[in-house]
């Protein structure tokens, strides 16, 4: 992260394939946001629509614009 800070440019990290906040790992990831301050929100959690879209060569918003997966991408 030090190298990124020396660039003097804005940056952030997008986490994808995250477990949901209902799991212990998901809660730990959510807690990391306050520590690092550079994680983009929302985290992109594991959803079947992501896998289906990749298999078809589409984005999740193209596959199903009303899905929870598409909602996360639109929020990001």
PDB file of N, CA and C in Angstrom:
ATOM      1  N   UNK A   1       0.821  -1.181   0.000  1.00  0.00           N
ATOM      2  CA  UNK A   1       0.000   0.000   0.000  1.00  0.00           C
ATOM      3  C   UNK A   1       0.867   1.248   0.000  1.00  0.00           C
ATOM      4  N   UNK A   2       2.058   1.147   0.556  1.00  0.00           N
ATOM      5  CA  UNK A   2       2.950   2.290   0.578  1.00  0.00           C
ATOM      6  C   UNK A   2       3.285   2.781  -0.814  1.00  0.00           C
ATOM      7  N   UNK A   3       3.499   1.841  -1.750  1.00  0.00           N
ATOM      8  CA  UNK A   3       3.806   2.228  -3.127  1.00  0.00           C
ATOM      9  C   UNK A   3       2.637   2.987  -3.747  1.00  0.00           C
ATOM     10  N   UNK A   4       1.423   2.563  -3.454  1.00  0.00           N
ATOM     11  CA  UNK A   4       0.254   3.277  -3.978  1.00  0.00           C
ATOM     12  C   UNK A   4       0.169   4.681  -3.407  1.00  0.00           C
ATOM     13  N   UNK A   5       0.457   4.820  -2.141  1.00  0.00           N
ATOM     14  CA  UNK A   5       0.375   6.136  -1.510  1.00  0.00           C
ATOM     15  C   UNK A   5       1.423   7.096  -2.090  1.00  0.00           C
ATOM     16  N   UNK A   6       2.592   6.581  -2.450  1.00  0.00           N
ATOM     17  CA  UNK A   6       3.637   7.436  -3.031  1.00  0.00           C
ATOM     18  C   UNK A   6       3.264   7.954  -4.405  1.00  0.00           C
ATOM     19  N   UNK A   7       2.341   7.303  -5.084  1.00  0.00           N
ATOM     20  CA  UNK A   7       1.906   7.770  -6.406  1.00  0.00           C
ATOM     21  C   UNK A   7       1.086   9.053  -6.326  1.00  0.00           C
ATOM     22  N   UNK A   8       0.580   9.367  -5.149  1.00  0.00           N
ATOM     23  CA  UNK A   8      -0.244  10.568  -4.945  1.00  0.00           C
ATOM     24  C   UNK A   8      -1.443  10.610  -5.885  1.00  0.00           C
ATOM     25  N   UNK A   9      -2.048   9.465  -6.083  1.00  0.00           N
ATOM     26  CA  UNK A   9      -3.259   9.355  -6.904  1.00  0.00           C
ATOM     27  C   UNK A   9      -4.309   8.597  -6.104  1.00  0.00           C
ATOM     28  N   UNK A  10      -5.567   8.896  -6.368  1.00  0.00           N
ATOM     29  CA  UNK A  10      -6.614   8.159  -5.648  1.00  0.00           C
ATOM     30  C   UNK A  10      -6.602   6.682  -6.038  1.00  0.00           C
ATOM     31  N   UNK A  11      -6.909   5.845  -5.092  1.00  0.00           N
ATOM     32  CA  UNK A  11      -6.977   4.411  -5.351  1.00  0.00           C
ATOM     33  C   UNK A  11      -7.961   3.783  -4.371  1.00  0.00           C
ATOM     34  N   UNK A  12      -8.331   2.585  -4.663  1.00  0.00           N
ATOM     35  CA  UNK A  12      -9.197   1.814  -3.782  1.00  0.00           C
ATOM     36  C   UNK A  12      -9.112   0.354  -4.173  1.00  0.00           C
ATOM     37  N   UNK A  13      -9.599  -0.492  -3.309  1.00  0.00           N
ATOM     38  CA  UNK A  13      -9.616  -1.918  -3.566  1.00  0.00           C
ATOM     39  C   UNK A  13     -11.060  -2.390  -3.602  1.00  0.00           C
ATOM     40  N   UNK A  14     -11.385  -3.161  -4.616  1.00  0.00           N
ATOM     41  CA  UNK A  14     -12.709  -3.758  -4.728  1.00  0.00           C
ATOM     42  C   UNK A  14     -12.560  -5.234  -4.382  1.00  0.00           C
ATOM     43  N   UNK A  15     -13.310  -5.675  -3.398  1.00  0.00           N
ATOM     44  CA  UNK A  15     -13.290  -7.085  -3.029  1.00  0.00           C
ATOM     45  C   UNK A  15     -14.462  -7.781  -3.696  1.00  0.00           C
ATOM     46  N   UNK A  16     -14.176  -8.891  -4.360  1.00  0.00           N
ATOM     47  CA  UNK A  16     -15.261  -9.663  -4.959  1.00  0.00           C
ATOM     48  C   UNK A  16     -15.170 -11.111  -4.503  1.00  0.00           C
ATOM     49  N   UNK A  17     -16.222 -11.845  -4.749  1.00  0.00           N
ATOM     50  CA  UNK A  17     -16.346 -13.231  -4.302  1.00  0.00           C
ATOM     51  C   UNK A  17     -16.262 -13.325  -2.778  1.00  0.00           C
ATOM     52  N   UNK A  18     -16.739 -12.299  -2.090  1.00  0.00           N
ATOM     53  CA  UNK A  18     -16.707 -12.266  -0.624  1.00  0.00           C
ATOM     54  C   UNK A  18     -17.846 -13.093  -0.045  1.00  0.00           C
ATOM     55  N   UNK A  19     -17.615 -13.677   1.120  1.00  0.00           N
ATOM     56  CA  UNK A  19     -18.733 -14.308   1.823  1.00  0.00           C
ATOM     57  C   UNK A  19     -19.680 -13.217   2.315  1.00  0.00           C
ATOM     58  N   UNK A  20     -20.908 -13.560   2.514  1.00  0.00           N
ATOM     59  CA  UNK A  20     -21.878 -12.574   2.977  1.00  0.00           C
ATOM     60  C   UNK A  20     -21.559 -12.135   4.398  1.00  0.00           C
ATOM     61  N   UNK A  21     -22.103 -10.998   4.800  1.00  0.00           N
ATOM     62  CA  UNK A  21     -21.887 -10.472   6.138  1.00  0.00           C
ATOM     63  C   UNK A  21     -22.466 -11.341   7.233  1.00  0.00           C
ATOM     64  N   UNK A  22     -23.252 -12.336   6.857  1.00  0.00           N
ATOM     65  CA  UNK A  22     -23.844 -13.235   7.859  1.00  0.00           C
ATOM     66  C   UNK A  22     -22.858 -14.277   8.354  1.00  0.00           C
ATOM     67  N   UNK A  23     -21.712 -14.413   7.683  1.00  0.00           N
ATOM     68  CA  UNK A  23     -20.722 -15.409   8.084  1.00  0.00           C
ATOM     69  C   UNK A  23     -19.640 -14.746   8.933  1.00  0.00           C
ATOM     70  N   UNK A  24     -18.921 -15.525   9.738  1.00  0.00           N
ATOM     71  CA  UNK A  24     -17.820 -14.937  10.525  1.00  0.00           C
ATOM     72  C   UNK A  24     -16.784 -14.241   9.644  1.00  0.00           C
ATOM     73  N   UNK A  25     -16.446 -14.850   8.508  1.00  0.00           N
ATOM     74  CA  UNK A  25     -15.468 -14.232   7.607  1.00  0.00           C
ATOM     75  C   UNK A  25     -16.016 -12.937   7.036  1.00  0.00           C
ATOM     76  N   UNK A  26     -17.295 -12.927   6.674  1.00  0.00           N
ATOM     77  CA  UNK A  26     -17.912 -11.712   6.140  1.00  0.00           C
ATOM     78  C   UNK A  26     -17.887 -10.579   7.142  1.00  0.00           C
ATOM     79  N   UNK A  27     -18.106 -10.897   8.408  1.00  0.00           N
ATOM     80  CA  UNK A  27     -18.073  -9.859   9.453  1.00  0.00           C
ATOM     81  C   UNK A  27     -16.654  -9.323   9.647  1.00  0.00           C
ATOM     82  N   UNK A  28     -15.649 -10.196   9.525  1.00  0.00           N
ATOM     83  CA  UNK A  28     -14.256  -9.739   9.652  1.00  0.00           C
ATOM     84  C   UNK A  28     -13.902  -8.796   8.508  1.00  0.00           C
ATOM     85  N   UNK A  29     -14.351  -9.112   7.307  1.00  0.00           N
ATOM     86  CA  UNK A  29     -14.069  -8.254   6.157  1.00  0.00           C
ATOM     87  C   UNK A  29     -14.721  -6.890   6.353  1.00  0.00           C
ATOM     88  N   UNK A  30     -15.961  -6.879   6.827  1.00  0.00           N
ATOM     89  CA  UNK A  30     -16.641  -5.605   7.063  1.00  0.00           C
ATOM     90  C   UNK A  30     -15.883  -4.766   8.089  1.00  0.00           C
ATOM     91  N   UNK A  31     -15.305  -5.421   9.097  1.00  0.00           N
ATOM     92  CA  UNK A  31     -14.532  -4.702  10.107  1.00  0.00           C
ATOM     93  C   UNK A  31     -13.247  -4.113   9.544  1.00  0.00           C
ATOM     94  N   UNK A  32     -12.709  -4.710   8.490  1.00  0.00           N
ATOM     95  CA  UNK A  32     -11.469  -4.219   7.888  1.00  0.00           C
ATOM     96  C   UNK A  32     -11.637  -2.858   7.231  1.00  0.00           C
ATOM     97  N   UNK A  33     -12.842  -2.533   6.816  1.00  0.00           N
ATOM     98  CA  UNK A  33     -13.077  -1.253   6.153  1.00  0.00           C
ATOM     99  C   UNK A  33     -12.640  -0.092   7.030  1.00  0.00           C
ATOM    100  N   UNK A  34     -13.009  -0.127   8.296  1.00  0.00           N
ATOM    101  CA  UNK A  34     -12.658   0.977   9.176  1.00  0.00           C
ATOM    102  C   UNK A  34     -11.155   1.033   9.430  1.00  0.00           C
ATOM    103  N   UNK A  35     -10.478  -0.095   9.361  1.00  0.00           N
ATOM    104  CA  UNK A  35      -9.037  -0.113   9.587  1.00  0.00           C
ATOM    105  C   UNK A  35      -8.255   0.384   8.378  1.00  0.00           C
ATOM    106  N   UNK A  36      -8.616  -0.078   7.202  1.00  0.00           N
ATOM    107  CA  UNK A  36      -7.870   0.277   5.994  1.00  0.00           C
ATOM    108  C   UNK A  36      -8.359   1.568   5.355  1.00  0.00           C
ATOM    109  N   UNK A  37      -9.660   1.752   5.341  1.00  0.00           N
ATOM    110  CA  UNK A  37     -10.219   2.969   4.766  1.00  0.00           C
ATOM    111  C   UNK A  37     -10.077   3.093   3.266  1.00  0.00           C
ATOM    112  N   UNK A  38      -9.645   2.055   2.580  1.00  0.00           N
ATOM    113  CA  UNK A  38      -9.466   2.144   1.129  1.00  0.00           C
ATOM    114  C   UNK A  38     -10.265   1.079   0.380  1.00  0.00           C
ATOM    115  N   UNK A  39     -11.146   0.395   1.084  1.00  0.00           N
ATOM    116  CA  UNK A  39     -11.955  -0.630   0.431  1.00  0.00           C
ATOM    117  C   UNK A  39     -13.228  -0.009  -0.108  1.00  0.00           C
ATOM    118  N   UNK A  40     -13.477  -0.252  -1.378  1.00  0.00           N
ATOM    119  CA  UNK A  40     -14.697   0.261  -2.001  1.00  0.00           C
ATOM    120  C   UNK A  40     -15.895  -0.515  -1.472  1.00  0.00           C
ATOM    121  N   UNK A  41     -16.977   0.175  -1.294  1.00  0.00           N
ATOM    122  CA  UNK A  41     -18.219  -0.455  -0.850  1.00  0.00           C
ATOM    123  C   UNK A  41     -19.256  -0.374  -1.948  1.00  0.00           C
ATOM    124  N   UNK A  42     -20.113  -1.336  -2.070  1.00  0.00           N
ATOM    125  CA  UNK A  42     -20.237  -2.528  -1.244  1.00  0.00           C
ATOM    126  C   UNK A  42     -19.248  -3.596  -1.693  1.00  0.00           C
ATOM    127  N   UNK A  43     -19.020  -4.576  -0.815  1.00  0.00           N
ATOM    128  CA  UNK A  43     -18.248  -5.748  -1.223  1.00  0.00           C
ATOM    129  C   UNK A  43     -19.116  -6.534  -2.187  1.00  0.00           C
ATOM    130  N   UNK A  44     -18.493  -7.135  -3.163  1.00  0.00           N
ATOM    131  CA  UNK A  44     -19.227  -7.952  -4.131  1.00  0.00           C
ATOM    132  C   UNK A  44     -19.228  -9.384  -3.603  1.00  0.00           C
ATOM    133  N   UNK A  45     -20.368  -9.808  -3.090  1.00  0.00           N
ATOM    134  CA  UNK A  45     -20.456 -11.126  -2.469  1.00  0.00           C
ATOM    135  C   UNK A  45     -20.709 -12.211  -3.515  1.00  0.00           C
ATOM    136  N   UNK A  46     -20.438 -13.443  -3.127  1.00  0.00           N
ATOM    137  CA  UNK A  46     -20.617 -14.579  -4.026  1.00  0.00           C
ATOM    138  C   UNK A  46     -22.098 -14.770  -4.327  1.00  0.00           C
ATOM    139  N   UNK A  47     -22.432 -14.718  -5.574  1.00  0.00           N
ATOM    140  CA  UNK A  47     -23.809 -14.962  -6.015  1.00  0.00           C
ATOM    141  C   UNK A  47     -23.772 -15.798  -7.298  1.00  0.00           C
ATOM    142  N   UNK A  48     -24.738 -16.654  -7.438  1.00  0.00           N
ATOM    143  CA  UNK A  48     -24.803 -17.520  -8.625  1.00  0.00           C
ATOM    144  C   UNK A  48     -24.899 -16.699  -9.908  1.00  0.00           C
ATOM    145  N   UNK A  49     -25.553 -15.539  -9.842  1.00  0.00           N
ATOM    146  CA  UNK A  49     -25.698 -14.710 -11.050  1.00  0.00           C
ATOM    147  C   UNK A  49     -24.346 -14.285 -11.620  1.00  0.00           C
ATOM    148  N   UNK A  50     -23.346 -14.089 -10.760  1.00  0.00           N
ATOM    149  CA  UNK A  50     -22.017 -13.723 -11.259  1.00  0.00           C
ATOM    150  C   UNK A  50     -21.451 -14.861 -12.103  1.00  0.00           C
ATOM    151  N   UNK A  51     -21.552 -16.073 -11.589  1.00  0.00           N
ATOM    152  CA  UNK A  51     -21.028 -17.230 -12.320  1.00  0.00           C
ATOM    153  C   UNK A  51     -21.791 -17.450 -13.623  1.00  0.00           C
ATOM    154  N   UNK A  52     -23.105 -17.315 -13.567  1.00  0.00           N
ATOM    155  CA  UNK A  52     -23.926 -17.500 -14.770  1.00  0.00           C
ATOM    156  C   UNK A  52     -23.587 -16.455 -15.831  1.00  0.00           C
ATOM    157  N   UNK A  53     -23.410 -15.221 -15.395  1.00  0.00           N
ATOM    158  CA  UNK A  53     -23.101 -14.143 -16.338  1.00  0.00           C
ATOM    159  C   UNK A  53     -21.742 -14.365 -16.997  1.00  0.00           C
ATOM    160  N   UNK A  54     -20.756 -14.750 -16.202  1.00  0.00           N
ATOM    161  CA  UNK A  54     -19.421 -15.007 -16.753  1.00  0.00           C
ATOM    162  C   UNK A  54     -19.495 -16.118 -17.802  1.00  0.00           C
ATOM    163  N   UNK A  55     -20.233 -17.170 -17.498  1.00  0.00           N
ATOM    164  CA  UNK A  55     -20.369 -18.290 -18.425  1.00  0.00           C
ATOM    165  C   UNK A  55     -20.996 -17.899 -19.750  1.00  0.00           C
ATOM    166  N   UNK A  56     -21.823 -16.871 -19.712  1.00  0.00           N
ATOM    167  CA  UNK A  56     -22.495 -16.411 -20.931  1.00  0.00           C
ATOM    168  C   UNK A  56     -21.791 -15.215 -21.578  1.00  0.00           C
ATOM    169  N   UNK A  57     -20.705 -14.766 -20.955  1.00  0.00           N
ATOM    170  CA  UNK A  57     -19.985 -13.617 -21.501  1.00  0.00           C
ATOM    171  C   UNK A  57     -20.724 -12.303 -21.282  1.00  0.00           C
ATOM    172  N   UNK A  58     -21.487 -12.227 -20.195  1.00  0.00           N
ATOM    173  CA  UNK A  58     -22.284 -11.038 -19.895  1.00  0.00           C
ATOM    174  C   UNK A  58     -21.898 -10.468 -18.541  1.00  0.00           C
ATOM    175  N   UNK A  59     -22.324  -9.252 -18.281  1.00  0.00           N
ATOM    176  CA  UNK A  59     -22.271  -8.699 -16.942  1.00  0.00           C
ATOM    177  C   UNK A  59     -23.557  -9.062 -16.222  1.00  0.00           C
ATOM    178  N   UNK A  60     -23.550  -8.997 -14.906  1.00  0.00           N
ATOM    179  CA  UNK A  60     -24.753  -9.382 -14.166  1.00  0.00           C
ATOM    180  C   UNK A  60     -25.929  -8.466 -14.465  1.00  0.00           C
ATOM    181  N   UNK A  61     -25.664  -7.203 -14.746  1.00  0.00           N
ATOM    182  CA  UNK A  61     -26.753  -6.277 -15.064  1.00  0.00           C
ATOM    183  C   UNK A  61     -27.377  -6.612 -16.424  1.00  0.00           C
ATOM    184  N   UNK A  62     -26.593  -7.214 -17.307  1.00  0.00           N
ATOM    185  CA  UNK A  62     -27.132  -7.659 -18.592  1.00  0.00           C
ATOM    186  C   UNK A  62     -27.937  -8.940 -18.423  1.00  0.00           C
ATOM    187  N   UNK A  63     -27.453  -9.823 -17.561  1.00  0.00           N
ATOM    188  CA  UNK A  63     -28.122 -11.103 -17.336  1.00  0.00           C
ATOM    189  C   UNK A  63     -29.474 -10.908 -16.664  1.00  0.00           C
ATOM    190  N   UNK A  64     -29.483 -10.169 -15.577  1.00  0.00           N
ATOM    191  CA  UNK A  64     -30.721  -9.920 -14.834  1.00  0.00           C
ATOM    192  C   UNK A  64     -30.591  -8.578 -14.119  1.00  0.00           C
ATOM    193  N   UNK A  65     -31.043  -7.496 -14.747  1.00  0.00           N
ATOM    194  CA  UNK A  65     -30.872  -6.163 -14.180  1.00  0.00           C
ATOM    195  C   UNK A  65     -31.536  -5.964 -12.819  1.00  0.00           C
ATOM    196  N   UNK A  66     -32.482  -6.825 -12.462  1.00  0.00           N
ATOM    197  CA  UNK A  66     -33.189  -6.674 -11.190  1.00  0.00           C
ATOM    198  C   UNK A  66     -32.646  -7.598 -10.089  1.00  0.00           C
ATOM    199  N   UNK A  67     -31.546  -8.276 -10.358  1.00  0.00           N
ATOM    200  CA  UNK A  67     -31.007  -9.230  -9.376  1.00  0.00           C
ATOM    201  C   UNK A  67     -30.228  -8.505  -8.279  1.00  0.00           C
ATOM    202  N   UNK A  68     -30.006  -9.223  -7.179  1.00  0.00           N
ATOM    203  CA  UNK A  68     -29.195  -8.666  -6.091  1.00  0.00           C
ATOM    204  C   UNK A  68     -27.759  -8.453  -6.549  1.00  0.00           C
ATOM    205  N   UNK A  69     -27.261  -9.330  -7.405  1.00  0.00           N
ATOM    206  CA  UNK A  69     -25.899  -9.185  -7.922  1.00  0.00           C
ATOM    207  C   UNK A  69     -25.773  -7.900  -8.738  1.00  0.00           C
ATOM    208  N   UNK A  70     -26.746  -7.629  -9.584  1.00  0.00           N
ATOM    209  CA  UNK A  70     -26.730  -6.395 -10.379  1.00  0.00           C
ATOM    210  C   UNK A  70     -26.852  -5.172  -9.476  1.00  0.00           C
ATOM    211  N   UNK A  71     -27.627  -5.274  -8.425  1.00  0.00           N
ATOM    212  CA  UNK A  71     -27.782  -4.167  -7.469  1.00  0.00           C
ATOM    213  C   UNK A  71     -26.436  -3.829  -6.823  1.00  0.00           C
ATOM    214  N   UNK A  72     -25.665  -4.853  -6.443  1.00  0.00           N
ATOM    215  CA  UNK A  72     -24.351  -4.610  -5.852  1.00  0.00           C
ATOM    216  C   UNK A  72     -23.422  -3.893  -6.839  1.00  0.00           C
ATOM    217  N   UNK A  73     -23.410  -4.353  -8.086  1.00  0.00           N
ATOM    218  CA  UNK A  73     -22.548  -3.738  -9.085  1.00  0.00           C
ATOM    219  C   UNK A  73     -22.962  -2.287  -9.335  1.00  0.00           C
ATOM    220  N   UNK A  74     -24.262  -2.053  -9.396  1.00  0.00           N
ATOM    221  CA  UNK A  74     -24.736  -0.677  -9.596  1.00  0.00           C
ATOM    222  C   UNK A  74     -24.383   0.219  -8.418  1.00  0.00           C
ATOM    223  N   UNK A  75     -24.414  -0.305  -7.199  1.00  0.00           N
ATOM    224  CA  UNK A  75     -24.028   0.482  -6.019  1.00  0.00           C
ATOM    225  C   UNK A  75     -22.551   0.819  -6.056  1.00  0.00           C
ATOM    226  N   UNK A  76     -21.746  -0.119  -6.522  1.00  0.00           N
ATOM    227  CA  UNK A  76     -20.300   0.099  -6.589  1.00  0.00           C
ATOM    228  C   UNK A  76     -19.992   1.233  -7.541  1.00  0.00           C
TER     229      UNK A  76
END
